């Protein structure tokens, strides 16, 4: 069963497009793009997520990321 998001498609697409535009503007190498995105994720986790659930949230994110790139 697909998971229902609490965010609208419009909210998601607008933010996603802004990030893609920034990446395309700077044309970083894949490793630089991943470093910047990784640091952005760390920033979100440390500034917006309670300390007691950060590790769990990061682990879940990593699991989803890995499953999304597996063939």
N, C-alpha and C. Protein backbone atom coordinates (compact mmCIF):
# COMPACT_ATOMS: atom_id res chain seq x y z
N UNK A 1 0.84 -1.17 0.00
CA UNK A 1 0.00 0.00 0.00
C UNK A 1 0.90 1.24 0.00
N UNK A 2 0.65 2.20 -0.92
CA UNK A 2 1.47 3.40 -0.96
C UNK A 2 1.30 4.23 0.31
N UNK A 3 2.37 4.87 0.70
CA UNK A 3 2.33 5.69 1.89
C UNK A 3 1.78 7.07 1.54
N UNK A 4 0.86 7.57 2.34
CA UNK A 4 0.26 8.88 2.13
C UNK A 4 1.16 9.96 2.73
N UNK A 5 1.47 10.96 1.95
CA UNK A 5 2.32 12.04 2.44
C UNK A 5 1.46 13.12 3.08
N UNK A 6 2.01 13.78 4.10
CA UNK A 6 1.29 14.89 4.71
C UNK A 6 1.53 16.18 3.96
N UNK A 7 2.32 16.12 2.90
CA UNK A 7 2.61 17.29 2.09
C UNK A 7 1.95 17.16 0.73
N UNK A 8 1.53 18.28 0.19
CA UNK A 8 0.89 18.25 -1.13
C UNK A 8 1.96 18.04 -2.20
N UNK A 9 1.52 17.53 -3.34
CA UNK A 9 2.44 17.36 -4.47
C UNK A 9 3.03 18.70 -4.86
N UNK A 10 2.22 19.76 -4.76
CA UNK A 10 2.69 21.10 -5.13
C UNK A 10 3.82 21.55 -4.19
N UNK A 11 3.66 21.34 -2.89
CA UNK A 11 4.72 21.71 -1.94
C UNK A 11 6.01 20.97 -2.26
N UNK A 12 5.88 19.67 -2.47
CA UNK A 12 7.05 18.84 -2.77
C UNK A 12 7.71 19.29 -4.06
N UNK A 13 6.93 19.41 -5.13
CA UNK A 13 7.48 19.75 -6.44
C UNK A 13 8.14 21.12 -6.44
N UNK A 14 7.55 22.10 -5.76
CA UNK A 14 8.15 23.44 -5.71
C UNK A 14 9.51 23.42 -5.04
N UNK A 15 9.62 22.75 -3.90
CA UNK A 15 10.89 22.67 -3.19
C UNK A 15 11.91 21.87 -3.99
N UNK A 16 11.47 20.75 -4.53
CA UNK A 16 12.35 19.90 -5.34
C UNK A 16 12.90 20.68 -6.53
N UNK A 17 12.04 21.41 -7.23
CA UNK A 17 12.48 22.18 -8.40
C UNK A 17 13.47 23.27 -8.01
N UNK A 18 13.26 23.92 -6.87
CA UNK A 18 14.20 24.95 -6.41
C UNK A 18 15.59 24.34 -6.18
N UNK A 19 15.61 23.17 -5.58
CA UNK A 19 16.89 22.51 -5.32
C UNK A 19 17.56 22.09 -6.63
N UNK A 20 16.79 21.54 -7.55
CA UNK A 20 17.33 21.14 -8.85
C UNK A 20 17.88 22.34 -9.61
N UNK A 21 17.15 23.45 -9.59
CA UNK A 21 17.61 24.67 -10.26
C UNK A 21 18.95 25.12 -9.69
N UNK A 22 19.08 25.11 -8.36
CA UNK A 22 20.35 25.50 -7.73
C UNK A 22 21.48 24.57 -8.15
N UNK A 23 21.21 23.26 -8.18
CA UNK A 23 22.25 22.32 -8.61
C UNK A 23 22.63 22.55 -10.07
N UNK A 24 21.64 22.77 -10.92
CA UNK A 24 21.93 23.00 -12.34
C UNK A 24 22.69 24.31 -12.54
N UNK A 25 22.39 25.32 -11.75
CA UNK A 25 23.08 26.62 -11.84
C UNK A 25 24.56 26.46 -11.57
N UNK A 26 24.92 25.68 -10.57
CA UNK A 26 26.31 25.54 -10.17
C UNK A 26 27.02 24.36 -10.83
N UNK A 27 26.24 23.46 -11.43
CA UNK A 27 26.79 22.31 -12.16
C UNK A 27 27.90 21.59 -11.39
N UNK A 28 27.61 21.17 -10.16
CA UNK A 28 28.66 20.50 -9.38
C UNK A 28 28.89 19.08 -9.87
N UNK A 29 30.06 18.56 -9.56
CA UNK A 29 30.32 17.14 -9.81
C UNK A 29 29.40 16.34 -8.89
N UNK A 30 29.16 15.07 -9.20
CA UNK A 30 28.28 14.26 -8.34
C UNK A 30 28.74 14.22 -6.89
N UNK A 31 30.05 14.11 -6.66
CA UNK A 31 30.51 14.03 -5.27
C UNK A 31 30.31 15.35 -4.53
N UNK A 32 30.51 16.49 -5.20
CA UNK A 32 30.26 17.78 -4.55
C UNK A 32 28.77 17.96 -4.27
N UNK A 33 27.93 17.60 -5.23
CA UNK A 33 26.48 17.71 -5.03
C UNK A 33 26.04 16.86 -3.83
N UNK A 34 26.56 15.64 -3.73
CA UNK A 34 26.19 14.78 -2.60
C UNK A 34 26.74 15.31 -1.29
N UNK A 35 27.93 15.92 -1.30
CA UNK A 35 28.47 16.52 -0.08
C UNK A 35 27.56 17.65 0.40
N UNK A 36 27.15 18.51 -0.52
CA UNK A 36 26.29 19.64 -0.16
C UNK A 36 24.93 19.15 0.33
N UNK A 37 24.35 18.20 -0.38
CA UNK A 37 23.05 17.66 0.05
C UNK A 37 23.17 16.95 1.39
N UNK A 38 24.26 16.22 1.59
CA UNK A 38 24.48 15.55 2.87
C UNK A 38 24.61 16.55 4.01
N UNK A 39 25.37 17.62 3.79
CA UNK A 39 25.50 18.65 4.82
C UNK A 39 24.17 19.34 5.08
N UNK A 40 23.37 19.49 4.03
CA UNK A 40 22.03 20.07 4.20
C UNK A 40 21.16 19.17 5.07
N UNK A 41 21.24 17.87 4.84
CA UNK A 41 20.48 16.92 5.66
C UNK A 41 20.94 16.96 7.11
N UNK A 42 22.25 17.04 7.30
CA UNK A 42 22.77 17.13 8.66
C UNK A 42 22.26 18.40 9.35
N UNK A 43 22.25 19.49 8.61
CA UNK A 43 21.74 20.75 9.16
C UNK A 43 20.28 20.61 9.57
N UNK A 44 19.47 20.02 8.72
CA UNK A 44 18.05 19.83 9.04
C UNK A 44 17.91 18.96 10.29
N UNK A 45 18.65 17.86 10.33
CA UNK A 45 18.55 16.97 11.49
C UNK A 45 18.98 17.65 12.79
N UNK A 46 20.06 18.43 12.74
CA UNK A 46 20.57 19.02 13.98
C UNK A 46 19.82 20.28 14.41
N UNK A 47 19.13 20.92 13.48
CA UNK A 47 18.42 22.15 13.85
C UNK A 47 16.91 21.99 13.96
N UNK A 48 16.36 20.92 13.38
CA UNK A 48 14.91 20.81 13.35
C UNK A 48 14.35 19.50 13.91
N UNK A 49 15.22 18.60 14.31
CA UNK A 49 14.78 17.29 14.81
C UNK A 49 15.30 17.12 16.23
N UNK A 50 14.43 16.64 17.09
CA UNK A 50 14.81 16.42 18.49
C UNK A 50 16.01 15.46 18.55
N UNK A 51 16.92 15.77 19.46
CA UNK A 51 18.17 15.01 19.56
C UNK A 51 17.92 13.52 19.80
N UNK A 52 16.90 13.19 20.55
CA UNK A 52 16.66 11.78 20.90
C UNK A 52 16.15 10.93 19.73
N UNK A 53 15.75 11.55 18.62
CA UNK A 53 15.29 10.75 17.47
C UNK A 53 16.12 10.98 16.21
N UNK A 54 17.17 11.79 16.30
CA UNK A 54 17.99 12.09 15.11
C UNK A 54 18.61 10.85 14.49
N UNK A 55 19.21 10.01 15.31
CA UNK A 55 19.88 8.82 14.78
C UNK A 55 18.88 7.90 14.09
N UNK A 56 17.75 7.68 14.73
CA UNK A 56 16.72 6.82 14.14
C UNK A 56 16.23 7.40 12.81
N UNK A 57 16.01 8.70 12.77
CA UNK A 57 15.53 9.34 11.55
C UNK A 57 16.59 9.25 10.44
N UNK A 58 17.85 9.45 10.78
CA UNK A 58 18.93 9.35 9.80
C UNK A 58 19.05 7.92 9.26
N UNK A 59 18.91 6.93 10.15
CA UNK A 59 18.97 5.53 9.71
C UNK A 59 17.82 5.20 8.77
N UNK A 60 16.63 5.66 9.09
CA UNK A 60 15.48 5.41 8.20
C UNK A 60 15.69 6.07 6.85
N UNK A 61 16.22 7.29 6.86
CA UNK A 61 16.50 7.98 5.61
C UNK A 61 17.48 7.18 4.77
N UNK A 62 18.54 6.70 5.39
CA UNK A 62 19.55 5.91 4.67
C UNK A 62 18.95 4.63 4.08
N UNK A 63 18.08 3.98 4.83
CA UNK A 63 17.43 2.77 4.33
C UNK A 63 16.58 3.08 3.09
N UNK A 64 15.83 4.17 3.14
CA UNK A 64 14.99 4.56 2.01
C UNK A 64 15.86 4.93 0.81
N UNK A 65 16.93 5.66 1.06
CA UNK A 65 17.85 6.03 -0.02
C UNK A 65 18.44 4.79 -0.68
N UNK A 66 18.93 3.86 0.12
CA UNK A 66 19.49 2.63 -0.44
C UNK A 66 18.46 1.85 -1.25
N UNK A 67 17.25 1.75 -0.73
CA UNK A 67 16.23 0.99 -1.46
C UNK A 67 15.83 1.70 -2.76
N UNK A 68 15.96 3.02 -2.81
CA UNK A 68 15.58 3.74 -4.02
C UNK A 68 16.62 3.61 -5.15
N UNK A 69 17.85 3.26 -4.82
CA UNK A 69 18.87 3.13 -5.86
C UNK A 69 19.16 1.68 -6.22
N UNK A 70 18.59 0.74 -5.50
CA UNK A 70 18.78 -0.68 -5.84
C UNK A 70 17.93 -1.02 -7.06
N UNK A 71 18.48 -1.90 -7.88
CA UNK A 71 17.75 -2.33 -9.07
C UNK A 71 16.83 -3.46 -8.76
